[in-house]
């Protein structure tokens, strides 16, 4: 199960949307509760905060951008629990993949 793999909460700030829009949402994946996703600022401080552009997030989710290289090149910024940040791939890669 995904929550057992992740065991934490992520806050996402995605920049560079249409017209320069910024989107915020958060994900909680813990084994003691059902996974949750919500739009907006989280009610409590997330364990790991991820800041990334819209284009880079799409590339990351599509498997065209590696999370470690995105972080090291400055395309993705992380704050908080770095051990949890290493589990980001399990969270992003949890859904079905496009065959395009």
PDB file of N, CA and C in Angstrom:
ATOM      1  N   UNK A   1       0.828  -1.197   0.000  1.00  0.00           N
ATOM      2  CA  UNK A   1       0.000   0.000   0.000  1.00  0.00           C
ATOM      3  C   UNK A   1       0.861   1.245   0.000  1.00  0.00           C
ATOM      4  N   UNK A   2       0.369   2.271  -0.668  1.00  0.00           N
ATOM      5  CA  UNK A   2       1.099   3.526  -0.790  1.00  0.00           C
ATOM      6  C   UNK A   2       1.378   4.196   0.553  1.00  0.00           C
ATOM      7  N   UNK A   3       0.399   4.343   1.453  1.00  0.00           N
ATOM      8  CA  UNK A   3       0.695   5.027   2.714  1.00  0.00           C
ATOM      9  C   UNK A   3       1.831   4.382   3.492  1.00  0.00           C
ATOM     10  N   UNK A   4       1.913   3.070   3.488  1.00  0.00           N
ATOM     11  CA  UNK A   4       2.987   2.388   4.212  1.00  0.00           C
ATOM     12  C   UNK A   4       4.344   2.660   3.574  1.00  0.00           C
ATOM     13  N   UNK A   5       4.368   2.876   2.261  1.00  0.00           N
ATOM     14  CA  UNK A   5       5.620   3.187   1.574  1.00  0.00           C
ATOM     15  C   UNK A   5       6.083   4.610   1.858  1.00  0.00           C
ATOM     16  N   UNK A   6       5.134   5.526   2.023  1.00  0.00           N
ATOM     17  CA  UNK A   6       5.475   6.946   2.147  1.00  0.00           C
ATOM     18  C   UNK A   6       5.577   7.388   3.602  1.00  0.00           C
ATOM     19  N   UNK A   7       4.534   7.176   4.390  1.00  0.00           N
ATOM     20  CA  UNK A   7       4.497   7.571   5.807  1.00  0.00           C
ATOM     21  C   UNK A   7       4.866   9.033   6.044  1.00  0.00           C
ATOM     22  N   UNK A   8       4.106   9.939   5.443  1.00  0.00           N
ATOM     23  CA  UNK A   8       4.374  11.351   5.676  1.00  0.00           C
ATOM     24  C   UNK A   8       3.431  12.246   4.894  1.00  0.00           C
ATOM     25  N   UNK A   9       3.695  13.536   4.965  1.00  0.00           N
ATOM     26  CA  UNK A   9       2.875  14.504   4.251  1.00  0.00           C
ATOM     27  C   UNK A   9       3.760  15.393   3.384  1.00  0.00           C
ATOM     28  N   UNK A  10       3.244  15.727   2.210  1.00  0.00           N
ATOM     29  CA  UNK A  10       3.934  16.587   1.268  1.00  0.00           C
ATOM     30  C   UNK A  10       3.075  17.807   0.987  1.00  0.00           C
ATOM     31  N   UNK A  11       3.703  18.945   0.882  1.00  0.00           N
ATOM     32  CA  UNK A  11       3.060  20.146   0.386  1.00  0.00           C
ATOM     33  C   UNK A  11       3.689  20.455  -0.954  1.00  0.00           C
ATOM     34  N   UNK A  12       2.893  20.791  -1.952  1.00  0.00           N
ATOM     35  CA  UNK A  12       3.401  21.102  -3.280  1.00  0.00           C
ATOM     36  C   UNK A  12       3.055  22.536  -3.633  1.00  0.00           C
ATOM     37  N   UNK A  13       4.034  23.263  -4.146  1.00  0.00           N
ATOM     38  CA  UNK A  13       3.816  24.575  -4.737  1.00  0.00           C
ATOM     39  C   UNK A  13       4.291  24.456  -6.172  1.00  0.00           C
ATOM     40  N   UNK A  14       3.355  24.617  -7.110  1.00  0.00           N
ATOM     41  CA  UNK A  14       3.671  24.468  -8.518  1.00  0.00           C
ATOM     42  C   UNK A  14       3.555  25.834  -9.182  1.00  0.00           C
ATOM     43  N   UNK A  15       4.664  26.261  -9.762  1.00  0.00           N
ATOM     44  CA  UNK A  15       4.732  27.580 -10.391  1.00  0.00           C
ATOM     45  C   UNK A  15       4.652  27.444 -11.907  1.00  0.00           C
ATOM     46  N   UNK A  16       4.485  28.571 -12.582  1.00  0.00           N
ATOM     47  CA  UNK A  16       4.536  28.581 -14.045  1.00  0.00           C
ATOM     48  C   UNK A  16       3.318  28.023 -14.729  1.00  0.00           C
ATOM     49  N   UNK A  17       2.187  28.089 -14.071  1.00  0.00           N
ATOM     50  CA  UNK A  17       0.946  27.641 -14.697  1.00  0.00           C
ATOM     51  C   UNK A  17       0.460  28.658 -15.713  1.00  0.00           C
ATOM     52  N   UNK A  18      -0.713  28.441 -16.298  1.00  0.00           N
ATOM     53  CA  UNK A  18      -1.258  29.381 -17.277  1.00  0.00           C
ATOM     54  C   UNK A  18      -1.328  30.798 -16.715  1.00  0.00           C
ATOM     55  N   UNK A  19      -0.775  31.730 -17.460  1.00  0.00           N
ATOM     56  CA  UNK A  19      -0.775  33.126 -17.012  1.00  0.00           C
ATOM     57  C   UNK A  19       0.096  33.366 -15.793  1.00  0.00           C
ATOM     58  N   UNK A  20       1.037  32.466 -15.531  1.00  0.00           N
ATOM     59  CA  UNK A  20       1.919  32.618 -14.369  1.00  0.00           C
ATOM     60  C   UNK A  20       1.296  32.159 -13.065  1.00  0.00           C
ATOM     61  N   UNK A  21       0.217  31.409 -13.159  1.00  0.00           N
ATOM     62  CA  UNK A  21      -0.497  30.954 -11.959  1.00  0.00           C
ATOM     63  C   UNK A  21       0.378  30.054 -11.086  1.00  0.00           C
ATOM     64  N   UNK A  22       0.112  30.104  -9.795  1.00  0.00           N
ATOM     65  CA  UNK A  22       0.769  29.245  -8.809  1.00  0.00           C
ATOM     66  C   UNK A  22      -0.314  28.403  -8.149  1.00  0.00           C
ATOM     67  N   UNK A  23      -0.086  27.101  -8.092  1.00  0.00           N
ATOM     68  CA  UNK A  23      -1.051  26.195  -7.462  1.00  0.00           C
ATOM     69  C   UNK A  23      -0.415  25.570  -6.230  1.00  0.00           C
ATOM     70  N   UNK A  24      -1.215  25.336  -5.213  1.00  0.00           N
ATOM     71  CA  UNK A  24      -0.737  24.683  -4.000  1.00  0.00           C
ATOM     72  C   UNK A  24      -1.691  23.553  -3.643  1.00  0.00           C
ATOM     73  N   UNK A  25      -1.120  22.427  -3.256  1.00  0.00           N
ATOM     74  CA  UNK A  25      -1.916  21.334  -2.729  1.00  0.00           C
ATOM     75  C   UNK A  25      -1.050  20.502  -1.822  1.00  0.00           C
ATOM     76  N   UNK A  26      -1.676  19.599  -1.104  1.00  0.00           N
ATOM     77  CA  UNK A  26      -0.940  18.759  -0.176  1.00  0.00           C
ATOM     78  C   UNK A  26      -1.479  17.345  -0.212  1.00  0.00           C
ATOM     79  N   UNK A  27      -0.605  16.436   0.159  1.00  0.00           N
ATOM     80  CA  UNK A  27      -0.916  15.010   0.154  1.00  0.00           C
ATOM     81  C   UNK A  27      -0.480  14.434   1.490  1.00  0.00           C
ATOM     82  N   UNK A  28      -1.352  13.666   2.110  1.00  0.00           N
ATOM     83  CA  UNK A  28      -1.004  12.954   3.348  1.00  0.00           C
ATOM     84  C   UNK A  28      -1.122  11.469   3.049  1.00  0.00           C
ATOM     85  N   UNK A  29      -0.035  10.742   3.251  1.00  0.00           N
ATOM     86  CA  UNK A  29      -0.023   9.289   3.027  1.00  0.00           C
ATOM     87  C   UNK A  29       0.607   8.637   4.250  1.00  0.00           C
ATOM     88  N   UNK A  30      -0.224   8.212   5.156  1.00  0.00           N
ATOM     89  CA  UNK A  30       0.215   7.552   6.387  1.00  0.00           C
ATOM     90  C   UNK A  30      -0.565   6.255   6.562  1.00  0.00           C
ATOM     91  N   UNK A  31       0.068   5.283   7.180  1.00  0.00           N
ATOM     92  CA  UNK A  31      -0.591   3.986   7.345  1.00  0.00           C
ATOM     93  C   UNK A  31      -1.719   4.022   8.370  1.00  0.00           C
ATOM     94  N   UNK A  32      -1.770   5.060   9.217  1.00  0.00           N
ATOM     95  CA  UNK A  32      -2.805   5.126  10.245  1.00  0.00           C
ATOM     96  C   UNK A  32      -4.082   5.835   9.787  1.00  0.00           C
ATOM     97  N   UNK A  33      -4.136   6.238   8.504  1.00  0.00           N
ATOM     98  CA  UNK A  33      -5.321   6.931   7.999  1.00  0.00           C
ATOM     99  C   UNK A  33      -5.403   6.756   6.484  1.00  0.00           C
ATOM    100  N   UNK A  34      -6.578   7.028   5.928  1.00  0.00           N
ATOM    101  CA  UNK A  34      -6.743   6.955   4.476  1.00  0.00           C
ATOM    102  C   UNK A  34      -5.943   8.087   3.829  1.00  0.00           C
ATOM    103  N   UNK A  35      -5.329   7.835   2.665  1.00  0.00           N
ATOM    104  CA  UNK A  35      -4.591   8.897   1.974  1.00  0.00           C
ATOM    105  C   UNK A  35      -5.515  10.063   1.652  1.00  0.00           C
ATOM    106  N   UNK A  36      -4.974  11.275   1.739  1.00  0.00           N
ATOM    107  CA  UNK A  36      -5.770  12.479   1.453  1.00  0.00           C
ATOM    108  C   UNK A  36      -4.999  13.390   0.521  1.00  0.00           C
ATOM    109  N   UNK A  37      -5.735  14.046  -0.364  1.00  0.00           N
ATOM    110  CA  UNK A  37      -5.187  15.074  -1.239  1.00  0.00           C
ATOM    111  C   UNK A  37      -6.128  16.260  -1.123  1.00  0.00           C
ATOM    112  N   UNK A  38      -5.578  17.447  -0.955  1.00  0.00           N
ATOM    113  CA  UNK A  38      -6.415  18.640  -0.854  1.00  0.00           C
ATOM    114  C   UNK A  38      -5.723  19.806  -1.544  1.00  0.00           C
ATOM    115  N   UNK A  39      -6.528  20.701  -2.070  1.00  0.00           N
ATOM    116  CA  UNK A  39      -6.026  21.894  -2.735  1.00  0.00           C
ATOM    117  C   UNK A  39      -5.893  23.018  -1.720  1.00  0.00           C
ATOM    118  N   UNK A  40      -4.870  23.857  -1.891  1.00  0.00           N
ATOM    119  CA  UNK A  40      -4.657  24.998  -1.023  1.00  0.00           C
ATOM    120  C   UNK A  40      -3.530  24.741  -0.039  1.00  0.00           C
ATOM    121  N   UNK A  41      -3.355  25.670   0.860  1.00  0.00           N
ATOM    122  CA  UNK A  41      -2.325  25.519   1.884  1.00  0.00           C
ATOM    123  C   UNK A  41      -2.778  24.500   2.921  1.00  0.00           C
ATOM    124  N   UNK A  42      -1.849  23.665   3.377  1.00  0.00           N
ATOM    125  CA  UNK A  42      -2.232  22.662   4.380  1.00  0.00           C
ATOM    126  C   UNK A  42      -2.542  23.301   5.723  1.00  0.00           C
ATOM    127  N   UNK A  43      -3.403  22.636   6.480  1.00  0.00           N
ATOM    128  CA  UNK A  43      -3.780  23.123   7.811  1.00  0.00           C
ATOM    129  C   UNK A  43      -2.596  23.042   8.773  1.00  0.00           C
ATOM    130  N   UNK A  44      -1.747  22.049   8.576  1.00  0.00           N
ATOM    131  CA  UNK A  44      -0.547  21.900   9.401  1.00  0.00           C
ATOM    132  C   UNK A  44       0.670  21.855   8.478  1.00  0.00           C
ATOM    133  N   UNK A  45       1.816  22.117   9.047  1.00  0.00           N
ATOM    134  CA  UNK A  45       3.044  22.138   8.260  1.00  0.00           C
ATOM    135  C   UNK A  45       3.330  20.739   7.706  1.00  0.00           C
ATOM    136  N   UNK A  46       3.544  20.624   6.366  1.00  0.00           N
ATOM    137  CA  UNK A  46       3.852  19.311   5.803  1.00  0.00           C
ATOM    138  C   UNK A  46       5.260  18.859   6.211  1.00  0.00           C
ATOM    139  N   UNK A  47       5.469  17.546   6.193  1.00  0.00           N
ATOM    140  CA  UNK A  47       6.790  17.015   6.521  1.00  0.00           C
ATOM    141  C   UNK A  47       7.827  17.422   5.476  1.00  0.00           C
ATOM    142  N   UNK A  48       7.393  17.545   4.221  1.00  0.00           N
ATOM    143  CA  UNK A  48       8.291  17.893   3.124  1.00  0.00           C
ATOM    144  C   UNK A  48       7.556  18.848   2.187  1.00  0.00           C
ATOM    145  N   UNK A  49       8.182  19.962   1.873  1.00  0.00           N
ATOM    146  CA  UNK A  49       7.593  20.940   0.963  1.00  0.00           C
ATOM    147  C   UNK A  49       8.357  20.899  -0.355  1.00  0.00           C
ATOM    148  N   UNK A  50       7.627  20.728  -1.462  1.00  0.00           N
ATOM    149  CA  UNK A  50       8.208  20.626  -2.796  1.00  0.00           C
ATOM    150  C   UNK A  50       7.777  21.841  -3.605  1.00  0.00           C
ATOM    151  N   UNK A  51       8.736  22.540  -4.199  1.00  0.00           N
ATOM    152  CA  UNK A  51       8.442  23.656  -5.093  1.00  0.00           C
ATOM    153  C   UNK A  51       9.025  23.296  -6.455  1.00  0.00           C
ATOM    154  N   UNK A  52       8.178  23.332  -7.484  1.00  0.00           N
ATOM    155  CA  UNK A  52       8.583  22.898  -8.819  1.00  0.00           C
ATOM    156  C   UNK A  52       7.709  23.608  -9.852  1.00  0.00           C
ATOM    157  N   UNK A  53       8.245  23.810 -11.053  1.00  0.00           N
ATOM    158  CA  UNK A  53       7.434  24.431 -12.106  1.00  0.00           C
ATOM    159  C   UNK A  53       6.464  23.407 -12.687  1.00  0.00           C
ATOM    160  N   UNK A  54       5.438  23.911 -13.306  1.00  0.00           N
ATOM    161  CA  UNK A  54       4.427  23.071 -13.937  1.00  0.00           C
ATOM    162  C   UNK A  54       5.069  22.132 -14.966  1.00  0.00           C
ATOM    163  N   UNK A  55       5.898  22.662 -15.828  1.00  0.00           N
ATOM    164  CA  UNK A  55       6.540  21.860 -16.880  1.00  0.00           C
ATOM    165  C   UNK A  55       7.441  20.778 -16.290  1.00  0.00           C
ATOM    166  N   UNK A  56       8.182  21.114 -15.240  1.00  0.00           N
ATOM    167  CA  UNK A  56       9.069  20.125 -14.627  1.00  0.00           C
ATOM    168  C   UNK A  56       8.282  19.049 -13.879  1.00  0.00           C
ATOM    169  N   UNK A  57       7.157  19.405 -13.279  1.00  0.00           N
ATOM    170  CA  UNK A  57       6.326  18.414 -12.603  1.00  0.00           C
ATOM    171  C   UNK A  57       5.749  17.423 -13.611  1.00  0.00           C
ATOM    172  N   UNK A  58       5.318  17.920 -14.755  1.00  0.00           N
ATOM    173  CA  UNK A  58       4.789  17.035 -15.799  1.00  0.00           C
ATOM    174  C   UNK A  58       5.890  16.078 -16.264  1.00  0.00           C
ATOM    175  N   UNK A  59       7.093  16.597 -16.487  1.00  0.00           N
ATOM    176  CA  UNK A  59       8.215  15.755 -16.915  1.00  0.00           C
ATOM    177  C   UNK A  59       8.569  14.731 -15.841  1.00  0.00           C
ATOM    178  N   UNK A  60       8.518  15.127 -14.587  1.00  0.00           N
ATOM    179  CA  UNK A  60       8.808  14.219 -13.473  1.00  0.00           C
ATOM    180  C   UNK A  60       7.767  13.101 -13.408  1.00  0.00           C
ATOM    181  N   UNK A  61       6.501  13.469 -13.520  1.00  0.00           N
ATOM    182  CA  UNK A  61       5.424  12.484 -13.453  1.00  0.00           C
ATOM    183  C   UNK A  61       5.439  11.543 -14.660  1.00  0.00           C
ATOM    184  N   UNK A  62       5.891  12.037 -15.803  1.00  0.00           N
ATOM    185  CA  UNK A  62       5.951  11.216 -17.015  1.00  0.00           C
ATOM    186  C   UNK A  62       7.190  10.335 -17.055  1.00  0.00           C
ATOM    187  N   UNK A  63       8.075  10.506 -16.084  1.00  0.00           N
ATOM    188  CA  UNK A  63       9.293   9.716 -16.057  1.00  0.00           C
ATOM    189  C   UNK A  63      10.388  10.252 -16.954  1.00  0.00           C
ATOM    190  N   UNK A  64      10.208  11.464 -17.471  1.00  0.00           N
ATOM    191  CA  UNK A  64      11.204  12.070 -18.351  1.00  0.00           C
ATOM    192  C   UNK A  64      12.234  12.885 -17.581  1.00  0.00           C
ATOM    193  N   UNK A  65      11.965  13.134 -16.304  1.00  0.00           N
ATOM    194  CA  UNK A  65      12.880  13.881 -15.442  1.00  0.00           C
ATOM    195  C   UNK A  65      13.072  13.090 -14.168  1.00  0.00           C
ATOM    196  N   UNK A  66      14.305  12.867 -13.799  1.00  0.00           N
ATOM    197  CA  UNK A  66      14.653  12.143 -12.585  1.00  0.00           C
ATOM    198  C   UNK A  66      14.584  13.098 -11.400  1.00  0.00           C
ATOM    199  N   UNK A  67      13.994  12.656 -10.300  1.00  0.00           N
ATOM    200  CA  UNK A  67      13.841  13.505  -9.118  1.00  0.00           C
ATOM    201  C   UNK A  67      15.155  14.000  -8.552  1.00  0.00           C
ATOM    202  N   UNK A  68      16.154  13.135  -8.482  1.00  0.00           N
ATOM    203  CA  UNK A  68      17.446  13.537  -7.941  1.00  0.00           C
ATOM    204  C   UNK A  68      18.109  14.582  -8.834  1.00  0.00           C
ATOM    205  N   UNK A  69      18.076  14.382 -10.147  1.00  0.00           N
ATOM    206  CA  UNK A  69      18.694  15.367 -11.037  1.00  0.00           C
ATOM    207  C   UNK A  69      17.900  16.673 -11.033  1.00  0.00           C
ATOM    208  N   UNK A  70      16.567  16.594 -10.863  1.00  0.00           N
ATOM    209  CA  UNK A  70      15.757  17.808 -10.766  1.00  0.00           C
ATOM    210  C   UNK A  70      16.149  18.614  -9.533  1.00  0.00           C
ATOM    211  N   UNK A  71      16.370  17.925  -8.426  1.00  0.00           N
ATOM    212  CA  UNK A  71      16.774  18.595  -7.191  1.00  0.00           C
ATOM    213  C   UNK A  71      18.183  19.182  -7.322  1.00  0.00           C
ATOM    214  N   UNK A  72      19.110  18.389  -7.818  1.00  0.00           N
ATOM    215  CA  UNK A  72      20.501  18.843  -7.913  1.00  0.00           C
ATOM    216  C   UNK A  72      20.681  19.984  -8.914  1.00  0.00           C
ATOM    217  N   UNK A  73      19.839  20.036  -9.943  1.00  0.00           N
ATOM    218  CA  UNK A  73      19.939  21.103 -10.944  1.00  0.00           C
ATOM    219  C   UNK A  73      19.123  22.341 -10.567  1.00  0.00           C
ATOM    220  N   UNK A  74      18.398  22.275  -9.444  1.00  0.00           N
ATOM    221  CA  UNK A  74      17.603  23.422  -8.996  1.00  0.00           C
ATOM    222  C   UNK A  74      16.222  23.504  -9.629  1.00  0.00           C
ATOM    223  N   UNK A  75      15.831  22.501 -10.402  1.00  0.00           N
ATOM    224  CA  UNK A  75      14.503  22.505 -11.016  1.00  0.00           C
ATOM    225  C   UNK A  75      13.417  22.187 -10.004  1.00  0.00           C
ATOM    226  N   UNK A  76      13.808  21.540  -8.908  1.00  0.00           N
ATOM    227  CA  UNK A  76      12.884  21.206  -7.830  1.00  0.00           C
ATOM    228  C   UNK A  76      13.555  21.597  -6.518  1.00  0.00           C
ATOM    229  N   UNK A  77      12.840  22.329  -5.695  1.00  0.00           N
ATOM    230  CA  UNK A  77      13.368  22.734  -4.391  1.00  0.00           C
ATOM    231  C   UNK A  77      12.621  21.957  -3.306  1.00  0.00           C
ATOM    232  N   UNK A  78      13.364  21.540  -2.296  1.00  0.00           N
ATOM    233  CA  UNK A  78      12.795  20.756  -1.200  1.00  0.00           C
ATOM    234  C   UNK A  78      13.112  21.401   0.124  1.00  0.00           C
ATOM    235  N   UNK A  79      12.155  21.376   1.035  1.00  0.00           N
ATOM    236  CA  UNK A  79      12.355  21.827   2.412  1.00  0.00           C
ATOM    237  C   UNK A  79      11.747  20.784   3.328  1.00  0.00           C
ATOM    238  N   UNK A  80      12.430  20.523   4.429  1.00  0.00           N
ATOM    239  CA  UNK A  80      11.872  19.585   5.397  1.00  0.00           C
ATOM    240  C   UNK A  80      12.619  18.275   5.421  1.00  0.00           C
ATOM    241  N   UNK A  81      11.882  17.203   5.598  1.00  0.00           N
ATOM    242  CA  UNK A  81      12.423  15.860   5.783  1.00  0.00           C
ATOM    243  C   UNK A  81      12.986  15.308   4.472  1.00  0.00           C
ATOM    244  N   UNK A  82      14.298  15.294   4.331  1.00  0.00           N
ATOM    245  CA  UNK A  82      14.932  14.825   3.100  1.00  0.00           C
ATOM    246  C   UNK A  82      14.792  13.306   2.925  1.00  0.00           C
ATOM    247  N   UNK A  83      14.707  12.566   4.011  1.00  0.00           N
ATOM    248  CA  UNK A  83      14.482  11.117   3.883  1.00  0.00           C
ATOM    249  C   UNK A  83      13.111  10.860   3.258  1.00  0.00           C
ATOM    250  N   UNK A  84      12.141  11.656   3.653  1.00  0.00           N
ATOM    251  CA  UNK A  84      10.805  11.533   3.077  1.00  0.00           C
ATOM    252  C   UNK A  84      10.817  11.971   1.609  1.00  0.00           C
ATOM    253  N   UNK A  85      11.592  12.978   1.295  1.00  0.00           N
ATOM    254  CA  UNK A  85      11.674  13.453  -0.088  1.00  0.00           C
ATOM    255  C   UNK A  85      12.140  12.347  -1.027  1.00  0.00           C
ATOM    256  N   UNK A  86      12.940  11.435  -0.537  1.00  0.00           N
ATOM    257  CA  UNK A  86      13.405  10.324  -1.360  1.00  0.00           C
ATOM    258  C   UNK A  86      12.268   9.368  -1.716  1.00  0.00           C
ATOM    259  N   UNK A  87      11.163   9.456  -1.004  1.00  0.00           N
ATOM    260  CA  UNK A  87      10.003   8.610  -1.278  1.00  0.00           C
ATOM    261  C   UNK A  87       9.026   9.288  -2.238  1.00  0.00           C
ATOM    262  N   UNK A  88       9.387  10.469  -2.715  1.00  0.00           N
ATOM    263  CA  UNK A  88       8.522  11.214  -3.622  1.00  0.00           C
ATOM    264  C   UNK A  88       8.205  10.411  -4.877  1.00  0.00           C
ATOM    265  N   UNK A  89       9.162   9.640  -5.373  1.00  0.00           N
ATOM    266  CA  UNK A  89       8.930   8.833  -6.572  1.00  0.00           C
ATOM    267  C   UNK A  89       7.809   7.826  -6.352  1.00  0.00           C
ATOM    268  N   UNK A  90       7.718   7.252  -5.153  1.00  0.00           N
ATOM    269  CA  UNK A  90       6.640   6.307  -4.850  1.00  0.00           C
ATOM    270  C   UNK A  90       5.291   7.012  -4.905  1.00  0.00           C
ATOM    271  N   UNK A  91       5.251   8.259  -4.483  1.00  0.00           N
ATOM    272  CA  UNK A  91       4.010   9.024  -4.484  1.00  0.00           C
ATOM    273  C   UNK A  91       3.619   9.423  -5.894  1.00  0.00           C
ATOM    274  N   UNK A  92       4.553   9.969  -6.638  1.00  0.00           N
ATOM    275  CA  UNK A  92       4.261  10.442  -8.003  1.00  0.00           C
ATOM    276  C   UNK A  92       4.051   9.276  -8.945  1.00  0.00           C
ATOM    277  N   UNK A  93       4.802   8.217  -8.765  1.00  0.00           N
ATOM    278  CA  UNK A  93       4.703   7.073  -9.660  1.00  0.00           C
ATOM    279  C   UNK A  93       3.599   6.100  -9.289  1.00  0.00           C
ATOM    280  N   UNK A  94       2.733   6.452  -8.355  1.00  0.00           N
ATOM    281  CA  UNK A  94       1.711   5.531  -7.872  1.00  0.00           C
ATOM    282  C   UNK A  94       0.566   5.322  -8.853  1.00  0.00           C
ATOM    283  N   UNK A  95       0.335   6.269  -9.731  1.00  0.00           N
ATOM    284  CA  UNK A  95      -0.796   6.162 -10.640  1.00  0.00           C
ATOM    285  C   UNK A  95      -0.460   5.419 -11.914  1.00  0.00           C
ATOM    286  N   UNK A  96      -1.468   5.202 -12.752  1.00  0.00           N
ATOM    287  CA  UNK A  96      -1.238   4.520 -14.024  1.00  0.00           C
ATOM    288  C   UNK A  96      -0.389   5.389 -14.958  1.00  0.00           C
ATOM    289  N   UNK A  97       0.404   4.751 -15.787  1.00  0.00           N
ATOM    290  CA  UNK A  97       1.265   5.450 -16.733  1.00  0.00           C
ATOM    291  C   UNK A  97       0.581   5.529 -18.098  1.00  0.00           C
ATOM    292  N   UNK A  98       0.767   6.661 -18.760  1.00  0.00           N
ATOM    293  CA  UNK A  98       0.255   6.833 -20.110  1.00  0.00           C
ATOM    294  C   UNK A  98       1.097   6.006 -21.076  1.00  0.00           C
ATOM    295  N   UNK A  99       0.477   5.494 -22.105  1.00  0.00           N
ATOM    296  CA  UNK A  99       1.201   4.710 -23.112  1.00  0.00           C
ATOM    297  C   UNK A  99       1.492   5.561 -24.341  1.00  0.00           C
ATOM    298  N   UNK A 100       1.406   6.873 -24.231  1.00  0.00           N
ATOM    299  CA  UNK A 100       1.677   7.751 -25.363  1.00  0.00           C
ATOM    300  C   UNK A 100       3.138   7.816 -25.680  1.00  0.00           C
TER     301      UNK A 100
END
